[in-house]
Amino acid sequence: MPTASKHEKLAAQVLIVEDEAEHAEVMAEALKKFGHVCTIVGGVAAALDEFRHGQFDVIITDLRMPSSAGVGGTAADGGDAGLRVLQAARELQPQAETIMVTAHGDVPTARAAFKFGAYDFIEKPLDLEVFRNLVNRAAETVLLRHEAMGGGEGAGLNELVQHDGFEGIIAGSEPMRRILQTVRAVAPSNIPVLITGESGTGKELIAQAIHRNSQRAKARFVPFNCAGQSESLLEDALFGHVRGAFTGAEKDREGVFEYAGGAGAGHGGGPGTLFLDEIGDMPLTMQAKLLRVLESGEVVRLGSNEARKVDVRFVSATNKDLVQASKEGKFREDLYFRIKGAHIHLPPLRERREDIPRIARHAIARFAAQMTPAAPKGKSQPAPMIPDITDAAMMRLTAYSWPGNVRQLLNVIQNMVVMAMGEAAAGVGGGAGDGAVRIDTRHIPDEVSSPDAPEDEGGTVAAADGSIGAGGAGAGLGGGAGAGIASLAGTSLEQLEKRAIRETLRLTAGNREKAAQLLGIGERTLYRKLKEYGLR
């Protein structure tokens, strides 16, 4: 299990939706010891209110809550309350991982929880150690997604990225260095900033860096996704409403404009930063209303005529060409010039290939640490064994075009680490005879290919001293000479996952707990996938 100091550094924002206050407090206390920041609500209505106002990394919800479920509960809450929380979280908190807690662990309920995107499923009474490990894994998953570019040990520019509000960003390439210079220049002012770039390039990380380096750093950073919501929901979320504005509006509620400006209770009071992600997907009528807020610094809640002053720093992001969209009448030109006080364009990963080795090595270390089994109670946690990666494998990663950018790179690296560490744990493949774990081209999916990409000779692993590692007959997950992921041309991701699970179970002699640890997933997730793929 990671140390407390590590989790303080990587503290997650956790929302606990639980009608039994005593149980909620027990969960919160267990997580606070690892640095996680917990918010407790007692029902669906209160959870929805938190979803609209804040951002969470992990959401933990009870399945069955009675009507009038605690603080914030409503008569509408009931046997399916937890599933409704999961459904709302998927729509309003897509960045979060969700965990279902219940005393009713029937298979249909578990299936329903996973249908709504649950990370995992845990039954009462809770084993607090299992619970903490599950939440820590979920938090680690979210943090890895956020760290589109990570700064781990060995990266040449750690001093640059780990201080001065640039945490999580590797900037070894010249384009990224220039971007961070621009961030430093624009952050102290209140000028609106537009960040553009392909999906997966790290636009939210740059927005966070702008906020952390600004005079508003101690106030709220509020991310808000403008895509995938109806116009009425979008307007209510942005502007808020007064009691009686529409059916169901039982009390006044501020929108994210006011919330980012320091309204409402909670941490981070004072004028903050509002990050409008996917602003290119905002409906035209809402664009006009946003323009008025930018020009006047005032908002009017739904159902009210009272203008309220807001002091907010606007940072926007999109993967669309807004100039072309304005020519086509899909985006207001006047709004474009308003939000583009300063413009930062993030290059795709293929245009900053020199950063790939740094990102890859950091991700390997993070995934390896995540997969290291927890030490028994009373024992100190051993340092994780960080796999090395051969030059040929690194050259192949660097040569690939990465259409999904860093997000895709991280997914591939996770698969590589699982395969290499799984082989090493079973004593086959992946090693070099010196106890080390090494990743080679056998572990890279065939989709990550280039005509000029090198291969490790004969599918074996070249050790640092020039010797050849355990890559002969019987090595690898396939059991044959040269077997490995790289040889599976045209294999789907589903087939790869099925094979990884089957072979990891074989290598662990059917020990599902150990297999789940090696695969980096919860045991319930493993059970679900075993049934899904017909594996026993």
Protein backbone atom coordinates (compact mmCIF):
# COMPACT_ATOMS: atom_id res chain seq x y z
CA MET A 1 0.00 0.00 0.00
CA PRO A 2 1.36 3.48 -0.80
CA THR A 3 2.54 5.53 2.13
CA ALA A 4 0.42 8.23 3.69
CA SER A 5 2.81 10.92 2.53
CA LYS A 6 2.33 9.85 -1.06
CA HIS A 7 -1.43 10.04 -0.74
CA GLU A 8 -1.23 13.45 0.85
CA LYS A 9 0.60 14.57 -2.29
CA LEU A 10 -1.97 12.83 -4.51
CA ALA A 11 -5.01 13.54 -2.30
CA ALA A 12 -8.31 12.79 -4.02
CA GLN A 13 -11.58 14.67 -3.67
CA VAL A 14 -14.04 11.99 -2.48
CA LEU A 15 -17.84 12.28 -2.28
CA ILE A 16 -19.57 9.78 0.05
CA VAL A 17 -23.32 9.33 -0.55
CA GLU A 18 -24.60 7.39 2.47
CA ASP A 19 -27.83 7.75 4.47
CA GLU A 20 -26.36 6.22 7.65
CA ALA A 21 -24.23 8.97 9.14
CA GLU A 22 -22.19 6.61 11.33
CA HIS A 23 -21.17 4.45 8.38
CA ALA A 24 -20.32 7.55 6.34
CA GLU A 25 -18.07 8.89 9.11
CA VAL A 26 -16.25 5.56 9.41
CA MET A 27 -15.53 5.57 5.68
CA ALA A 28 -14.41 9.19 5.74
CA GLU A 29 -12.06 8.64 8.69
CA ALA A 30 -10.51 5.61 6.98
CA LEU A 31 -9.80 7.66 3.86
CA LYS A 32 -8.65 10.86 5.58
CA LYS A 33 -5.68 8.94 7.02
CA PHE A 34 -4.39 8.72 3.45
CA GLY A 35 -4.86 12.40 2.70
CA HIS A 36 -8.13 12.12 0.80
CA VAL A 37 -10.57 15.01 1.24
CA CYS A 38 -14.08 13.68 1.94
CA THR A 39 -17.49 15.32 1.52
CA ILE A 40 -20.51 13.49 2.98
CA VAL A 41 -24.10 13.80 1.74
CA GLY A 42 -27.14 11.75 2.69
CA GLY A 43 -29.13 11.32 -0.50
CA VAL A 44 -29.55 11.72 -4.23
CA ALA A 45 -30.67 15.36 -4.20
CA ALA A 46 -27.68 16.48 -2.17
CA ALA A 47 -25.35 14.43 -4.38
CA LEU A 48 -26.73 16.09 -7.52
CA ASP A 49 -26.19 19.50 -5.94
CA GLU A 50 -22.54 18.62 -5.23
CA PHE A 51 -22.12 17.32 -8.80
CA ARG A 52 -23.22 20.67 -10.21
CA HIS A 53 -20.99 22.75 -7.95
CA GLY A 54 -17.74 20.85 -7.55
CA GLN A 55 -15.46 18.24 -9.04
CA PHE A 56 -14.71 14.87 -7.48
CA ASP A 57 -12.17 12.17 -8.21
CA VAL A 58 -13.94 9.27 -6.50
CA ILE A 59 -17.67 8.95 -5.72
CA ILE A 60 -18.77 6.31 -3.20
CA THR A 61 -22.50 5.63 -2.97
CA ASP A 62 -24.72 3.26 -1.02
CA LEU A 63 -27.12 1.30 -3.21
CA ARG A 64 -30.24 1.37 -1.05
CA MET A 65 -31.21 4.51 0.83
CA PRO A 66 -34.69 4.95 2.32
CA SER A 67 -36.92 7.86 1.45
CA SER A 68 -35.87 11.01 3.33
CA ALA A 69 -32.38 9.59 3.28
CA GLY A 70 -30.49 11.67 5.77
CA VAL A 71 -29.23 15.17 5.10
CA GLY A 72 -30.23 16.17 1.61
CA GLY A 73 -32.40 13.10 1.09
CA THR A 74 -35.75 13.29 -0.66
CA ALA A 75 -38.85 11.18 -0.88
CA ALA A 76 -37.72 10.11 -4.32
CA ASP A 77 -34.71 8.26 -2.89
CA GLY A 78 -35.21 4.55 -2.51
CA GLY A 79 -33.99 1.11 -3.50
CA ASP A 80 -32.39 2.31 -6.71
CA ALA A 81 -30.96 5.52 -5.25
CA GLY A 82 -27.36 4.39 -5.69
CA LEU A 83 -27.90 3.51 -9.34
CA ARG A 84 -29.38 6.95 -9.93
CA VAL A 85 -26.32 8.51 -8.32
CA LEU A 86 -24.11 6.45 -10.67
CA GLN A 87 -26.13 7.53 -13.69
CA ALA A 88 -25.93 11.20 -12.71
CA ALA A 89 -22.21 10.91 -11.97
CA ARG A 90 -21.58 9.51 -15.43
CA GLU A 91 -23.26 12.58 -16.94
CA LEU A 92 -22.13 15.34 -14.56
CA GLN A 93 -18.81 13.99 -13.19
CA PRO A 94 -17.40 11.97 -16.11
CA GLN A 95 -13.83 12.34 -14.82
CA ALA A 96 -14.65 10.50 -11.56
CA GLU A 97 -14.53 6.81 -10.70
CA THR A 98 -17.59 5.51 -8.82
CA ILE A 99 -17.78 2.74 -6.22
CA MET A 100 -21.01 1.04 -5.13
CA VAL A 101 -21.41 0.00 -1.47
CA THR A 102 -24.27 -2.30 -0.48
CA ALA A 103 -25.38 -5.08 1.81
CA HIS A 104 -27.38 -6.48 -1.10
CA GLY A 105 -24.67 -8.01 -3.26
CA ASP A 106 -26.85 -9.82 -5.76
CA VAL A 107 -25.56 -10.38 -9.28
CA PRO A 108 -28.28 -8.34 -11.09
CA THR A 109 -27.46 -5.34 -8.92
CA ALA A 110 -23.75 -5.73 -9.62
CA ARG A 111 -24.47 -5.90 -13.34
CA ALA A 112 -26.57 -2.73 -13.13
CA ALA A 113 -23.81 -0.91 -11.24
CA PHE A 114 -21.25 -1.75 -13.91
CA LYS A 115 -23.73 -0.79 -16.63
CA PHE A 116 -23.70 2.71 -15.17
CA GLY A 117 -19.91 2.81 -15.17
CA ALA A 118 -19.06 1.72 -11.61
CA TYR A 119 -15.34 1.22 -11.01
CA ASP A 120 -16.04 -1.60 -8.56
CA PHE A 121 -18.53 -3.02 -6.08
CA ILE A 122 -18.00 -3.72 -2.35
CA GLU A 123 -20.32 -5.29 0.24
CA LYS A 124 -21.12 -4.35 3.82
CA PRO A 125 -19.84 -4.90 6.44
CA LEU A 126 -16.77 -3.21 5.05
CA ASP A 127 -13.28 -4.59 5.44
CA LEU A 128 -11.64 -1.18 5.87
CA GLU A 129 -8.30 -2.30 4.47
CA VAL A 130 -9.95 -3.68 1.32
CA PHE A 131 -12.06 -0.52 1.14
CA ARG A 132 -9.03 1.79 1.42
CA ASN A 133 -7.12 -0.17 -1.22
CA LEU A 134 -10.09 -0.02 -3.57
CA VAL A 135 -10.49 3.75 -3.17
CA ASN A 136 -6.74 4.29 -3.53
CA ARG A 137 -6.72 2.32 -6.79
CA ALA A 138 -9.68 4.30 -8.10
CA ALA A 139 -7.99 7.58 -7.12
CA GLU A 140 -4.76 6.45 -8.79
CA THR A 141 -6.68 5.71 -12.00
CA VAL A 142 -8.18 9.21 -12.03
CA LEU A 143 -4.83 10.84 -11.30
CA LEU A 144 -3.16 8.95 -14.13
CA ARG A 145 -5.79 10.24 -16.50
CA HIS A 146 -5.26 13.79 -15.26
CA GLU A 147 -1.50 13.46 -15.58
CA ALA A 148 -1.56 13.56 -19.37
CA MET A 149 2.10 14.47 -19.05
CA GLY A 150 3.83 13.28 -15.88
CA GLY A 151 7.01 14.41 -14.13
CA GLY A 152 8.59 11.44 -12.42
CA GLU A 153 12.08 10.66 -11.22
CA GLY A 154 14.61 10.64 -14.01
CA ALA A 155 12.86 13.22 -16.16
CA GLY A 156 15.37 15.83 -17.17
CA LEU A 157 13.14 18.80 -16.36
CA ASN A 158 11.62 17.78 -13.02
CA GLU A 159 12.75 21.00 -11.41
CA LEU A 160 10.68 22.85 -13.98
CA VAL A 161 7.53 20.78 -13.74
CA GLN A 162 7.36 19.96 -10.03
CA HIS A 163 7.46 23.53 -8.73
CA ASP A 164 5.91 26.92 -9.39
CA GLY A 165 2.47 25.51 -10.13
CA PHE A 166 3.43 23.29 -13.08
CA GLU A 167 2.88 19.93 -11.37
CA GLY A 168 2.17 17.04 -13.72
CA ILE A 169 3.59 18.64 -16.88
CA ILE A 170 6.68 17.45 -18.74
CA ALA A 171 8.09 20.16 -20.95
CA GLY A 172 11.32 18.89 -22.45
CA SER A 173 10.43 19.75 -26.04
CA GLU A 174 10.77 23.27 -27.37
CA PRO A 175 7.02 23.64 -28.14
CA MET A 176 6.11 22.76 -24.55
CA ARG A 177 8.80 25.05 -23.13
CA ARG A 178 7.30 27.93 -25.10
CA ILE A 179 3.84 27.03 -23.82
CA LEU A 180 4.96 27.16 -20.20
CA GLN A 181 6.60 30.51 -20.85
CA THR A 182 3.26 31.76 -22.17
CA VAL A 183 1.48 30.36 -19.11
CA ARG A 184 3.86 32.24 -16.83
CA ALA A 185 3.26 35.43 -18.80
CA VAL A 186 -0.55 35.33 -18.84
CA ALA A 187 -1.27 33.73 -15.45
CA PRO A 188 -0.85 36.82 -13.21
CA SER A 189 -3.42 38.87 -15.16
CA ASN A 190 -7.18 38.36 -15.41
CA ILE A 191 -7.17 38.12 -19.21
CA PRO A 192 -9.35 35.31 -20.63
CA VAL A 193 -7.35 32.42 -22.10
CA LEU A 194 -8.36 30.03 -24.89
CA ILE A 195 -6.58 26.66 -25.00
CA THR A 196 -6.88 24.60 -28.18
CA GLY A 197 -5.56 21.20 -29.19
CA GLU A 198 -6.54 17.64 -30.02
CA SER A 199 -8.22 15.39 -27.47
CA GLY A 200 -5.77 13.92 -24.99
CA THR A 201 -3.14 16.67 -25.21
CA GLY A 202 -3.61 17.97 -21.66
CA LYS A 203 -5.68 21.13 -22.01
CA GLU A 204 -7.08 20.94 -18.48
CA LEU A 205 -3.56 20.54 -17.05
CA ILE A 206 -2.56 23.81 -18.68
CA ALA A 207 -5.72 25.49 -17.36
CA GLN A 208 -4.83 24.29 -13.86
CA ALA A 209 -1.29 25.63 -14.28
CA ILE A 210 -2.69 29.04 -15.25
CA HIS A 211 -4.83 29.03 -12.11
CA ARG A 212 -2.04 27.86 -9.78
CA ASN A 213 0.30 30.59 -11.05
CA SER A 214 -2.33 33.34 -10.79
CA GLN A 215 -3.34 35.63 -7.95
CA ARG A 216 -6.42 33.42 -7.58
CA ALA A 217 -4.42 30.29 -6.75
CA LYS A 218 -5.89 29.95 -3.25
CA ALA A 219 -9.46 30.20 -4.55
CA ARG A 220 -11.51 27.67 -6.48
CA PHE A 221 -10.59 26.16 -9.83
CA VAL A 222 -13.95 25.04 -11.24
CA PRO A 223 -13.93 22.83 -14.37
CA PHE A 224 -17.18 22.72 -16.34
CA ASN A 225 -17.85 20.66 -19.47
CA CYS A 226 -20.09 22.48 -21.94
CA ALA A 227 -20.75 19.40 -24.09
CA GLY A 228 -23.43 16.75 -23.81
CA GLN A 229 -26.04 18.74 -21.86
CA SER A 230 -29.41 20.04 -22.95
CA GLU A 231 -29.71 23.81 -23.23
CA SER A 232 -32.02 24.07 -20.21
CA LEU A 233 -29.71 22.03 -17.99
CA LEU A 234 -26.70 23.97 -19.25
CA GLU A 235 -28.33 27.32 -18.46
CA ASP A 236 -29.39 26.19 -14.99
CA ALA A 237 -25.92 24.83 -14.23
CA LEU A 238 -24.19 28.02 -15.37
CA PHE A 239 -26.57 30.67 -14.04
CA GLY A 240 -28.41 28.95 -11.20
CA HIS A 241 -32.04 29.63 -10.31
CA VAL A 242 -34.34 31.07 -7.66
CA ARG A 243 -37.04 29.16 -5.84
CA GLY A 244 -40.08 28.59 -8.04
CA ALA A 245 -38.25 29.27 -11.31
CA PHE A 246 -39.46 25.92 -12.65
CA THR A 247 -41.06 22.72 -11.42
CA GLY A 248 -38.79 21.19 -8.80
CA ALA A 249 -36.91 24.41 -8.01
CA GLU A 250 -37.62 24.25 -4.28
CA LYS A 251 -34.81 26.55 -3.16
CA ASP A 252 -32.39 29.15 -4.52
CA ARG A 253 -29.19 27.77 -6.02
CA GLU A 254 -26.19 29.56 -7.42
CA GLY A 255 -24.70 28.46 -10.75
CA VAL A 256 -21.07 27.77 -11.54
CA PHE A 257 -20.44 31.42 -12.47
CA GLU A 258 -21.24 32.48 -8.90
CA TYR A 259 -19.63 29.39 -7.39
CA ALA A 260 -16.33 30.02 -9.19
CA GLY A 261 -16.56 33.63 -8.11
CA GLY A 262 -16.47 32.63 -4.46
CA ALA A 263 -20.16 32.18 -3.63
CA GLY A 264 -21.38 29.32 -1.47
CA ALA A 265 -19.92 27.46 1.46
CA GLY A 266 -16.83 25.31 1.43
CA HIS A 267 -13.13 25.61 0.77
CA GLY A 268 -11.58 28.04 -1.64
CA GLY A 269 -13.55 31.21 -0.92
CA GLY A 270 -12.86 34.30 -2.96
CA PRO A 271 -12.74 35.00 -6.70
CA GLY A 272 -11.57 31.93 -8.58
CA THR A 273 -11.12 30.50 -12.08
CA LEU A 274 -13.81 28.92 -14.26
CA PHE A 275 -12.56 26.42 -16.83
CA LEU A 276 -15.09 26.04 -19.66
CA ASP A 277 -14.09 22.82 -21.40
CA GLU A 278 -15.43 21.92 -24.86
CA ILE A 279 -16.72 25.47 -25.31
CA GLY A 280 -16.99 24.85 -29.05
CA ASP A 281 -19.97 22.57 -28.31
CA MET A 282 -21.97 25.26 -26.51
CA PRO A 283 -25.34 26.07 -28.20
CA LEU A 284 -25.55 29.46 -29.94
CA THR A 285 -28.24 30.80 -27.59
CA MET A 286 -26.03 30.00 -24.60
CA GLN A 287 -23.07 31.61 -26.36
CA ALA A 288 -25.00 34.89 -26.43
CA LYS A 289 -25.71 34.66 -22.70
CA LEU A 290 -22.07 33.83 -21.94
CA LEU A 291 -21.00 36.86 -23.97
CA ARG A 292 -23.18 39.10 -21.81
CA VAL A 293 -21.55 37.73 -18.66
CA LEU A 294 -18.08 38.38 -20.08
CA GLU A 295 -19.01 41.93 -21.06
CA SER A 296 -20.95 42.95 -17.94
CA GLY A 297 -19.50 40.77 -15.19
CA GLU A 298 -23.06 40.04 -14.08
CA VAL A 299 -25.33 36.99 -14.02
CA VAL A 300 -29.09 36.71 -13.64
CA ARG A 301 -30.43 33.49 -12.15
CA LEU A 302 -33.32 31.71 -13.84
CA GLY A 303 -36.62 33.12 -12.58
CA SER A 304 -35.05 36.35 -11.31
CA ASN A 305 -34.54 39.88 -12.60
CA GLU A 306 -31.74 40.66 -10.16
CA ALA A 307 -28.27 41.05 -11.69
CA ARG A 308 -25.51 39.65 -9.49
CA LYS A 309 -21.88 40.72 -9.83
CA VAL A 310 -19.35 37.93 -10.37
CA ASP A 311 -15.55 38.13 -10.33
CA VAL A 312 -14.31 35.15 -12.34
CA ARG A 313 -11.22 34.39 -14.44
CA PHE A 314 -12.33 32.62 -17.63
CA VAL A 315 -10.20 29.89 -19.20
CA SER A 316 -11.78 28.00 -22.12
CA ALA A 317 -10.73 24.97 -24.14
CA THR A 318 -11.80 23.19 -27.31
CA ASN A 319 -10.57 20.68 -29.86
CA LYS A 320 -12.55 22.44 -32.59
CA ASP A 321 -11.45 25.12 -35.07
CA LEU A 322 -13.46 28.06 -33.78
CA VAL A 323 -12.43 30.32 -36.67
CA GLN A 324 -13.94 27.86 -39.12
CA ALA A 325 -16.94 27.32 -36.84
CA SER A 326 -17.60 31.07 -36.78
CA LYS A 327 -17.46 31.19 -40.59
CA GLU A 328 -20.05 28.40 -40.68
CA GLY A 329 -22.30 30.21 -38.20
CA LYS A 330 -21.77 27.61 -35.47
CA PHE A 331 -19.81 29.84 -33.10
CA ARG A 332 -20.23 33.56 -32.43
CA GLU A 333 -17.30 35.57 -33.74
CA ASP A 334 -17.70 38.23 -31.04
CA LEU A 335 -17.56 35.56 -28.34
CA TYR A 336 -14.48 34.04 -29.97
CA PHE A 337 -12.59 37.32 -29.68
CA ARG A 338 -13.80 37.75 -26.09
CA ILE A 339 -12.55 34.37 -24.85
CA LYS A 340 -9.33 34.61 -26.86
CA GLY A 341 -7.61 37.27 -24.78
CA ALA A 342 -4.60 34.97 -24.97
CA HIS A 343 -4.37 31.81 -27.07
CA ILE A 344 -2.39 28.67 -26.19
CA HIS A 345 -2.32 25.83 -28.72
CA LEU A 346 -1.14 22.44 -27.46
CA PRO A 347 0.71 20.36 -30.06
CA PRO A 348 -0.21 16.71 -30.56
CA LEU A 349 2.20 14.15 -29.15
CA ARG A 350 3.55 13.33 -32.63
CA GLU A 351 4.91 16.89 -32.82
CA ARG A 352 6.78 16.63 -29.52
CA ARG A 353 8.22 13.14 -29.76
CA GLU A 354 11.22 14.01 -27.60
CA ASP A 355 8.86 14.09 -24.61
CA ILE A 356 7.65 10.51 -25.18
CA PRO A 357 10.54 8.73 -23.35
CA ARG A 358 10.07 10.94 -20.27
CA ILE A 359 6.31 10.43 -20.24
CA ALA A 360 6.73 6.68 -20.81
CA ARG A 361 9.24 6.17 -18.00
CA HIS A 362 7.14 8.14 -15.57
CA ALA A 363 4.01 6.16 -16.50
CA ILE A 364 5.87 2.84 -16.16
CA ALA A 365 6.92 3.80 -12.64
CA ARG A 366 3.41 4.88 -11.70
CA PHE A 367 1.71 1.73 -13.03
CA ALA A 368 4.33 -0.52 -11.43
CA ALA A 369 3.78 1.16 -8.06
CA GLN A 370 0.04 0.75 -8.51
CA MET A 371 0.44 -2.99 -9.15
CA THR A 372 2.75 -3.65 -6.19
CA PRO A 373 0.77 -5.75 -3.67
CA ALA A 374 0.18 -4.24 -0.25
CA ALA A 375 2.47 -5.43 2.53
CA PRO A 376 0.91 -7.55 5.30
CA LYS A 377 -0.30 -5.69 8.37
CA GLY A 378 2.59 -4.57 10.53
CA LYS A 379 5.11 -4.89 7.70
CA SER A 380 6.74 -1.99 5.88
CA GLN A 381 5.80 -1.49 2.25
CA PRO A 382 8.63 -2.58 -0.06
CA ALA A 383 9.72 -0.29 -2.86
CA PRO A 384 8.01 -1.28 -6.12
CA MET A 385 10.11 -3.03 -8.75
CA ILE A 386 10.12 -0.56 -11.64
CA PRO A 387 10.45 -2.30 -15.02
CA ASP A 388 13.15 -1.15 -17.41
CA ILE A 389 12.34 -0.72 -21.09
CA THR A 390 14.62 -1.73 -23.94
CA ASP A 391 15.92 0.80 -26.43
CA ALA A 392 14.08 -0.96 -29.26
CA ALA A 393 10.76 -0.75 -27.41
CA MET A 394 11.28 2.91 -26.59
CA MET A 395 12.20 3.69 -30.19
CA ARG A 396 9.02 1.99 -31.35
CA LEU A 397 6.92 4.07 -28.95
CA THR A 398 8.66 7.22 -30.11
CA ALA A 399 8.16 6.40 -33.79
CA TYR A 400 4.39 5.88 -33.51
CA SER A 401 2.03 8.73 -34.45
CA TRP A 402 -0.27 8.43 -31.37
CA PRO A 403 -3.61 9.66 -32.79
CA GLY A 404 -5.05 9.49 -29.25
CA ASN A 405 -2.11 11.49 -27.89
CA VAL A 406 -0.93 10.99 -24.30
CA ARG A 407 -4.16 9.29 -23.21
CA GLN A 408 -3.52 6.52 -25.75
CA LEU A 409 0.15 6.30 -24.77
CA LEU A 410 -0.79 5.75 -21.12
CA ASN A 411 -3.26 2.99 -22.01
CA VAL A 412 -0.61 1.16 -24.05
CA ILE A 413 1.99 1.50 -21.30
CA GLN A 414 -0.41 0.12 -18.72
CA ASN A 415 -0.90 -2.98 -20.88
CA MET A 416 2.87 -3.36 -21.30
CA VAL A 417 3.52 -3.13 -17.56
CA VAL A 418 0.80 -5.68 -16.78
CA MET A 419 2.28 -8.16 -19.24
CA ALA A 420 5.91 -7.71 -18.19
CA MET A 421 5.23 -7.83 -14.46
CA GLY A 422 2.86 -10.77 -14.86
CA GLU A 423 5.58 -12.74 -16.65
CA ALA A 424 8.16 -11.81 -14.04
CA ALA A 425 5.88 -12.81 -11.16
CA ALA A 426 5.48 -16.25 -12.72
CA GLY A 427 9.19 -16.58 -13.47
CA VAL A 428 8.83 -16.66 -17.25
CA GLY A 429 9.79 -14.05 -19.83
CA GLY A 430 10.25 -10.37 -19.13
CA GLY A 431 13.45 -10.84 -17.12
CA ALA A 432 17.14 -10.62 -17.82
CA GLY A 433 18.51 -13.20 -15.43
CA ASP A 434 19.43 -10.51 -12.89
CA GLY A 435 16.06 -10.22 -11.14
CA ALA A 436 15.07 -7.14 -13.11
CA VAL A 437 11.83 -6.73 -15.04
CA ARG A 438 12.23 -5.48 -18.58
CA ILE A 439 9.69 -4.40 -21.17
CA ASP A 440 10.54 -5.15 -24.79
CA THR A 441 8.80 -4.96 -28.15
CA ARG A 442 6.92 -8.23 -27.46
CA HIS A 443 4.81 -6.33 -24.97
CA ILE A 444 3.73 -3.57 -27.35
CA PRO A 445 0.34 -4.00 -29.08
CA ASP A 446 0.65 -4.56 -32.81
CA GLU A 447 -1.43 -1.46 -33.50
CA VAL A 448 1.52 0.61 -32.25
CA SER A 449 3.66 0.02 -35.28
CA SER A 450 5.83 1.88 -37.75
CA PRO A 451 7.56 0.57 -40.89
CA ASP A 452 10.91 1.70 -39.51
CA ALA A 453 10.32 0.70 -35.89
CA PRO A 454 13.02 -1.66 -34.54
CA GLU A 455 12.41 -5.03 -32.93
CA ASP A 456 14.35 -6.80 -30.19
CA GLU A 457 16.20 -9.65 -31.95
CA GLY A 458 14.32 -12.92 -31.91
CA GLY A 459 11.70 -11.56 -29.57
CA THR A 460 14.16 -11.68 -26.67
CA VAL A 461 15.12 -9.03 -24.20
CA ALA A 462 18.55 -7.49 -24.47
CA ALA A 463 20.03 -7.04 -21.00
CA ALA A 464 22.09 -4.00 -20.09
CA ASP A 465 25.28 -6.05 -20.14
CA GLY A 466 24.56 -7.41 -23.62
CA SER A 467 23.32 -10.82 -22.45
CA ILE A 468 20.01 -12.23 -23.64
CA GLY A 469 17.09 -12.46 -21.22
CA ALA A 470 14.53 -15.20 -20.77
CA GLY A 471 12.82 -14.94 -24.12
CA GLY A 472 13.26 -18.46 -25.44
CA ALA A 473 10.80 -21.30 -25.87
CA GLY A 474 8.03 -21.21 -23.33
CA ALA A 475 8.58 -17.56 -22.47
CA GLY A 476 5.87 -14.96 -22.65
CA LEU A 477 2.15 -15.25 -22.13
CA GLY A 478 1.59 -17.35 -25.21
CA GLY A 479 3.90 -20.17 -24.14
CA GLY A 480 5.74 -20.38 -27.49
CA ALA A 481 8.96 -18.93 -28.79
CA GLY A 482 8.60 -15.27 -29.56
CA ALA A 483 5.05 -15.19 -28.27
CA GLY A 484 3.84 -11.77 -27.18
CA ILE A 485 1.35 -9.04 -27.78
CA ALA A 486 3.32 -7.67 -30.72
CA SER A 487 2.63 -10.87 -32.65
CA LEU A 488 -1.15 -10.60 -32.37
CA ALA A 489 -1.82 -8.73 -35.59
CA GLY A 490 -5.44 -7.66 -35.90
CA THR A 491 -6.36 -8.75 -32.37
CA SER A 492 -9.10 -6.67 -30.77
CA LEU A 493 -8.64 -4.98 -27.39
CA GLU A 494 -11.37 -7.24 -25.98
CA GLN A 495 -9.43 -10.32 -27.09
CA LEU A 496 -6.23 -8.90 -25.60
CA GLU A 497 -7.97 -8.30 -22.28
CA LYS A 498 -9.44 -11.79 -22.28
CA ARG A 499 -6.04 -13.30 -22.99
CA ALA A 500 -4.35 -11.18 -20.31
CA ILE A 501 -6.88 -12.36 -17.71
CA ARG A 502 -6.71 -16.02 -18.76
CA GLU A 503 -2.92 -16.18 -18.80
CA THR A 504 -2.50 -14.20 -15.59
CA LEU A 505 -4.79 -16.70 -13.85
CA ARG A 506 -2.70 -19.52 -15.30
CA LEU A 507 0.52 -17.92 -14.12
CA THR A 508 -0.91 -17.42 -10.61
CA ALA A 509 -2.25 -20.99 -10.46
CA GLY A 510 -5.82 -19.72 -10.34
CA ASN A 511 -5.27 -17.33 -7.43
CA ARG A 512 -7.85 -14.66 -8.27
CA GLU A 513 -6.72 -12.23 -5.57
CA LYS A 514 -3.14 -12.30 -6.88
CA ALA A 515 -4.32 -12.11 -10.49
CA ALA A 516 -6.45 -9.05 -9.74
CA GLN A 517 -3.44 -7.37 -8.09
CA LEU A 518 -1.22 -8.11 -11.10
CA LEU A 519 -3.86 -6.83 -13.50
CA GLY A 520 -4.40 -3.68 -11.42
CA ILE A 521 -8.15 -4.23 -10.99
CA GLY A 522 -10.50 -5.08 -8.12
CA GLU A 523 -11.49 -8.67 -7.43
CA ARG A 524 -15.14 -7.94 -8.21
CA THR A 525 -14.11 -6.43 -11.53
CA LEU A 526 -12.15 -9.62 -12.23
CA TYR A 527 -15.15 -11.81 -11.31
CA ARG A 528 -17.36 -9.77 -13.62
CA LYS A 529 -14.94 -10.11 -16.51
CA LEU A 530 -14.52 -13.85 -15.89
CA LYS A 531 -18.26 -14.28 -16.29
CA GLU A 532 -18.41 -11.87 -19.23
CA TYR A 533 -15.71 -13.77 -21.12
CA GLY A 534 -16.80 -17.25 -19.99
CA LEU A 535 -13.54 -17.91 -18.15
CA ARG A 536 -13.38 -20.25 -15.16
